[in-house]
């Protein structure tokens, strides 16, 4: 486990992977900037809401709301953009660390987008469902959220790595035999997603981590 963790961590300093992480963050910033500009433009055509000061107040509050939205939703949105590049991350890891292994299958763009939307949707749904617990008991609630996300992230990222090389049936069988380790790796990715700034690179780190884990499990099975 620690070997895979160390190799995945070292991958984050690869210029190519840093470039992909930066691209996801830039796309997120651009999206929020476009939302601000679009909202400011639409406010010009908004009818007076009771009194002119209400409209002026909305115009002043809009950038603040956008910044708060970026702080709260920036990482999930960046993760969604990053999902478009996860196959490239896996390619880079395998080309550098496992050049002698067989060539992987590459998912279509629609498959990559679908996987990203599903992953982001599952995580957001789990977080929303656990919000009452988090509000009533912040410490245990946050721990429960990390555990729930760990289950989801471990499964999804492992499938990302495994389905590039084996069938879904084989991937499911391998996951069931090693669910403890996959869950532990998912917890690492989930905990990293709760750390400011680190949450922006968590998807790329998760992809790298699961590629190394899958390769290790495949070698163990063949031994």
Protein backbone atom coordinates (compact mmCIF):
# COMPACT_ATOMS: atom_id res chain seq x y z
CA UNK A 1 0.00 0.00 0.00
CA UNK A 2 2.71 2.48 0.98
CA UNK A 3 4.67 1.75 -2.20
CA UNK A 4 1.64 2.52 -4.36
CA UNK A 5 0.90 5.61 -2.30
CA UNK A 6 4.46 6.88 -2.68
CA UNK A 7 4.52 6.29 -6.43
CA UNK A 8 1.16 8.04 -6.88
CA UNK A 9 2.37 10.97 -4.78
CA UNK A 10 5.52 11.25 -6.87
CA UNK A 11 3.35 11.32 -9.99
CA UNK A 12 1.81 14.60 -8.87
CA UNK A 13 5.14 16.30 -9.57
CA UNK A 14 5.17 15.07 -13.15
CA UNK A 15 4.94 18.23 -15.34
CA UNK A 16 2.40 16.56 -17.63
CA UNK A 17 0.06 15.68 -14.75
CA UNK A 18 0.52 19.08 -13.13
CA UNK A 19 -0.48 20.57 -16.47
CA UNK A 20 -3.69 18.52 -16.50
CA UNK A 21 -4.50 19.60 -12.93
CA UNK A 22 -3.85 23.24 -13.85
CA UNK A 23 -6.08 22.89 -16.89
CA UNK A 24 -8.97 21.58 -14.77
CA UNK A 25 -8.58 24.45 -12.29
CA UNK A 26 -8.38 27.03 -15.11
CA UNK A 27 -11.54 25.64 -16.71
CA UNK A 28 -13.27 25.90 -13.33
CA UNK A 29 -12.19 29.52 -12.84
CA UNK A 30 -13.28 30.37 -16.39
CA UNK A 31 -16.67 28.77 -15.77
CA UNK A 32 -17.28 30.82 -12.62
CA UNK A 33 -16.09 34.01 -14.33
CA UNK A 34 -18.51 33.39 -17.19
CA UNK A 35 -21.30 32.82 -14.67
CA UNK A 36 -20.50 36.15 -12.99
CA UNK A 37 -20.35 38.05 -16.29
CA UNK A 38 -23.53 36.39 -17.52
CA UNK A 39 -25.37 37.18 -14.30
CA UNK A 40 -24.20 40.80 -14.36
CA UNK A 41 -25.40 41.10 -17.94
CA UNK A 42 -28.81 39.62 -17.12
CA UNK A 43 -29.18 41.92 -14.10
CA UNK A 44 -29.25 44.88 -16.49
CA UNK A 45 -32.52 43.57 -17.88
CA UNK A 46 -34.02 42.64 -14.52
CA UNK A 47 -37.09 44.74 -13.70
CA UNK A 48 -37.00 46.87 -10.56
CA UNK A 49 -37.70 44.61 -7.57
CA UNK A 50 -39.77 46.88 -5.35
CA UNK A 51 -37.11 49.60 -5.14
CA UNK A 52 -33.95 50.46 -7.14
CA UNK A 53 -31.70 49.74 -4.14
CA UNK A 54 -32.74 46.07 -4.23
CA UNK A 55 -31.31 45.70 -7.73
CA UNK A 56 -28.14 47.57 -6.73
CA UNK A 57 -27.76 45.30 -3.70
CA UNK A 58 -28.10 42.23 -5.92
CA UNK A 59 -25.40 43.61 -8.24
CA UNK A 60 -23.06 44.09 -5.26
CA UNK A 61 -23.80 40.70 -3.71
CA UNK A 62 -23.44 38.70 -6.91
CA UNK A 63 -19.61 38.61 -6.94
CA UNK A 64 -19.60 37.65 -3.25
CA UNK A 65 -22.04 34.82 -3.90
CA UNK A 66 -19.91 33.68 -6.84
CA UNK A 67 -16.75 33.60 -4.69
CA UNK A 68 -18.57 31.63 -1.98
CA UNK A 69 -19.88 29.28 -4.65
CA UNK A 70 -16.35 28.77 -5.95
CA UNK A 71 -15.07 27.97 -2.45
CA UNK A 72 -17.89 25.49 -1.85
CA UNK A 73 -18.26 23.97 -5.32
CA UNK A 74 -14.94 24.74 -6.98
CA UNK A 75 -13.34 21.43 -6.06
CA UNK A 76 -16.28 19.23 -7.22
CA UNK A 77 -16.49 21.19 -10.48
CA UNK A 78 -12.72 20.90 -10.97
CA UNK A 79 -13.03 17.16 -10.28
CA UNK A 80 -15.65 16.95 -12.99
CA UNK A 81 -13.35 18.70 -15.48
CA UNK A 82 -10.41 16.57 -14.32
CA UNK A 83 -12.41 13.42 -15.08
CA UNK A 84 -12.04 14.29 -18.76
CA UNK A 85 -8.29 13.79 -18.40
CA UNK A 86 -8.18 10.73 -16.14
CA UNK A 87 -7.54 8.39 -19.07
CA UNK A 88 -4.53 10.53 -20.01
CA UNK A 89 -3.29 10.27 -16.43
CA UNK A 90 -3.56 6.49 -16.54
CA UNK A 91 -1.77 6.45 -19.91
CA UNK A 92 1.10 8.53 -18.56
CA UNK A 93 1.46 6.39 -15.42
CA UNK A 94 1.42 3.12 -17.35
CA UNK A 95 3.81 4.36 -20.05
CA UNK A 96 6.36 5.44 -17.45
CA UNK A 97 6.00 2.73 -14.80
CA UNK A 98 4.68 -0.30 -16.75
CA UNK A 99 6.01 0.01 -20.33
CA UNK A 100 6.16 -3.77 -20.84
CA UNK A 101 2.47 -4.34 -20.04
CA UNK A 102 -0.21 -4.73 -22.67
CA UNK A 103 -1.78 -1.68 -24.26
CA UNK A 104 -4.93 -0.43 -22.59
CA UNK A 105 -8.34 0.13 -24.12
CA UNK A 106 -9.33 3.80 -24.35
CA UNK A 107 -12.87 4.91 -23.49
CA UNK A 108 -14.74 7.27 -25.78
CA UNK A 109 -15.24 10.92 -24.87
CA UNK A 110 -18.90 10.27 -24.04
CA UNK A 111 -17.88 7.41 -21.73
CA UNK A 112 -15.34 9.63 -19.96
CA UNK A 113 -17.87 12.44 -19.52
CA UNK A 114 -20.49 9.98 -18.31
CA UNK A 115 -18.10 8.49 -15.77
CA UNK A 116 -17.15 11.95 -14.53
CA UNK A 117 -20.76 13.07 -14.18
CA UNK A 118 -21.68 9.84 -12.39
CA UNK A 119 -18.75 10.12 -9.98
CA UNK A 120 -19.37 13.79 -9.20
CA UNK A 121 -23.11 13.15 -8.87
CA UNK A 122 -22.66 10.24 -6.45
CA UNK A 123 -20.27 12.20 -4.25
CA UNK A 124 -22.49 15.30 -4.20
CA UNK A 125 -25.57 13.15 -3.46
CA UNK A 126 -23.81 11.42 -0.57
CA UNK A 127 -22.66 14.78 0.82
CA UNK A 128 -26.16 16.26 0.58
CA UNK A 129 -27.76 13.24 2.26
CA UNK A 130 -25.25 13.45 5.10
CA UNK A 131 -25.61 17.21 5.59
CA UNK A 132 -28.13 16.84 8.48
CA UNK A 133 -25.73 14.51 10.32
CA UNK A 134 -22.84 16.89 9.66
CA UNK A 135 -24.89 19.85 10.97
CA UNK A 136 -26.03 18.05 14.14
CA UNK A 137 -22.70 16.38 14.90
CA UNK A 138 -19.90 18.07 12.90
CA UNK A 139 -17.05 15.75 13.93
CA UNK A 140 -18.77 12.37 13.49
CA UNK A 141 -20.71 13.73 10.51
CA UNK A 142 -17.54 14.73 8.68
CA UNK A 143 -15.96 11.36 9.46
CA UNK A 144 -19.05 9.59 8.11
CA UNK A 145 -18.90 11.72 4.95
CA UNK A 146 -15.24 10.80 4.40
CA UNK A 147 -16.09 7.11 4.86
CA UNK A 148 -19.06 7.28 2.47
CA UNK A 149 -16.99 9.12 -0.14
CA UNK A 150 -14.18 6.62 0.40
CA UNK A 151 -16.49 3.76 -0.55
CA UNK A 152 -17.66 5.56 -3.69
CA UNK A 153 -14.29 6.92 -4.76
CA UNK A 154 -12.48 3.64 -4.15
CA UNK A 155 -14.94 1.73 -6.32
CA UNK A 156 -15.11 4.29 -9.13
CA UNK A 157 -11.38 4.97 -9.42
CA UNK A 158 -10.54 1.28 -9.27
CA UNK A 159 -12.97 0.62 -12.10
CA UNK A 160 -11.33 3.41 -14.07
CA UNK A 161 -7.97 1.62 -13.84
CA UNK A 162 -9.24 -1.94 -14.20
CA UNK A 163 -11.66 -1.54 -17.11
CA UNK A 164 -8.82 -0.27 -19.29
CA UNK A 165 -7.40 -3.82 -19.29
CA UNK A 166 -10.03 -6.36 -18.23
CA UNK A 167 -13.75 -6.99 -18.64
CA UNK A 168 -16.29 -5.67 -16.13
CA UNK A 169 -16.80 -9.19 -14.76
CA UNK A 170 -13.07 -9.61 -14.15
CA UNK A 171 -12.82 -6.11 -12.65
CA UNK A 172 -15.74 -6.80 -10.30
CA UNK A 173 -14.22 -10.10 -9.22
CA UNK A 174 -10.85 -8.48 -8.54
CA UNK A 175 -12.54 -5.65 -6.61
CA UNK A 176 -14.53 -8.07 -4.43
CA UNK A 177 -11.41 -10.04 -3.56
CA UNK A 178 -9.55 -6.89 -2.56
CA UNK A 179 -12.35 -4.66 -1.27
CA UNK A 180 -10.48 -3.88 1.96
CA UNK A 181 -7.45 -2.42 0.20
CA UNK A 182 -9.58 -0.60 -2.35
CA UNK A 183 -11.66 0.95 0.43
CA UNK A 184 -8.47 2.01 2.26
CA UNK A 185 -7.20 3.71 -0.90
CA UNK A 186 -10.60 5.31 -1.39
CA UNK A 187 -10.38 6.74 2.13
CA UNK A 188 -7.04 8.35 1.26
CA UNK A 189 -8.56 9.98 -1.84
CA UNK A 190 -11.64 11.05 0.13
CA UNK A 191 -9.60 12.59 2.96
CA UNK A 192 -7.44 14.41 0.43
CA UNK A 193 -10.62 15.85 -1.11
CA UNK A 194 -11.36 17.59 2.20
CA UNK A 195 -8.02 19.41 2.29
CA UNK A 196 -8.10 22.90 0.71
CA UNK A 197 -6.03 23.16 -2.49
CA UNK A 198 -5.22 19.44 -2.32
CA UNK A 199 -8.84 18.78 -3.29
CA UNK A 200 -8.13 20.19 -6.75
CA UNK A 201 -5.54 17.50 -7.51
CA UNK A 202 -7.29 14.69 -5.62
CA UNK A 203 -8.92 13.25 -8.81
CA UNK A 204 -5.58 12.97 -10.61
CA UNK A 205 -3.91 11.54 -7.51
CA UNK A 206 -6.77 9.04 -7.16
CA UNK A 207 -6.39 7.90 -10.76
CA UNK A 208 -2.62 7.43 -10.34
CA UNK A 209 -3.07 5.62 -7.04
CA UNK A 210 -5.58 3.14 -8.44
CA UNK A 211 -3.49 2.42 -11.52
CA UNK A 212 -0.62 1.36 -9.25
CA UNK A 213 -2.97 -0.69 -7.06
CA UNK A 214 -4.54 -2.45 -10.04
CA UNK A 215 -1.12 -3.34 -11.46
CA UNK A 216 -0.03 -4.67 -8.06
CA UNK A 217 -3.17 -6.81 -7.69
CA UNK A 218 -2.77 -8.18 -11.20
CA UNK A 219 0.80 -9.23 -10.42
CA UNK A 220 -0.27 -10.82 -7.15
CA UNK A 221 -2.99 -12.79 -8.95
CA UNK A 222 -0.52 -14.01 -11.57
CA UNK A 223 2.11 -15.04 -8.99
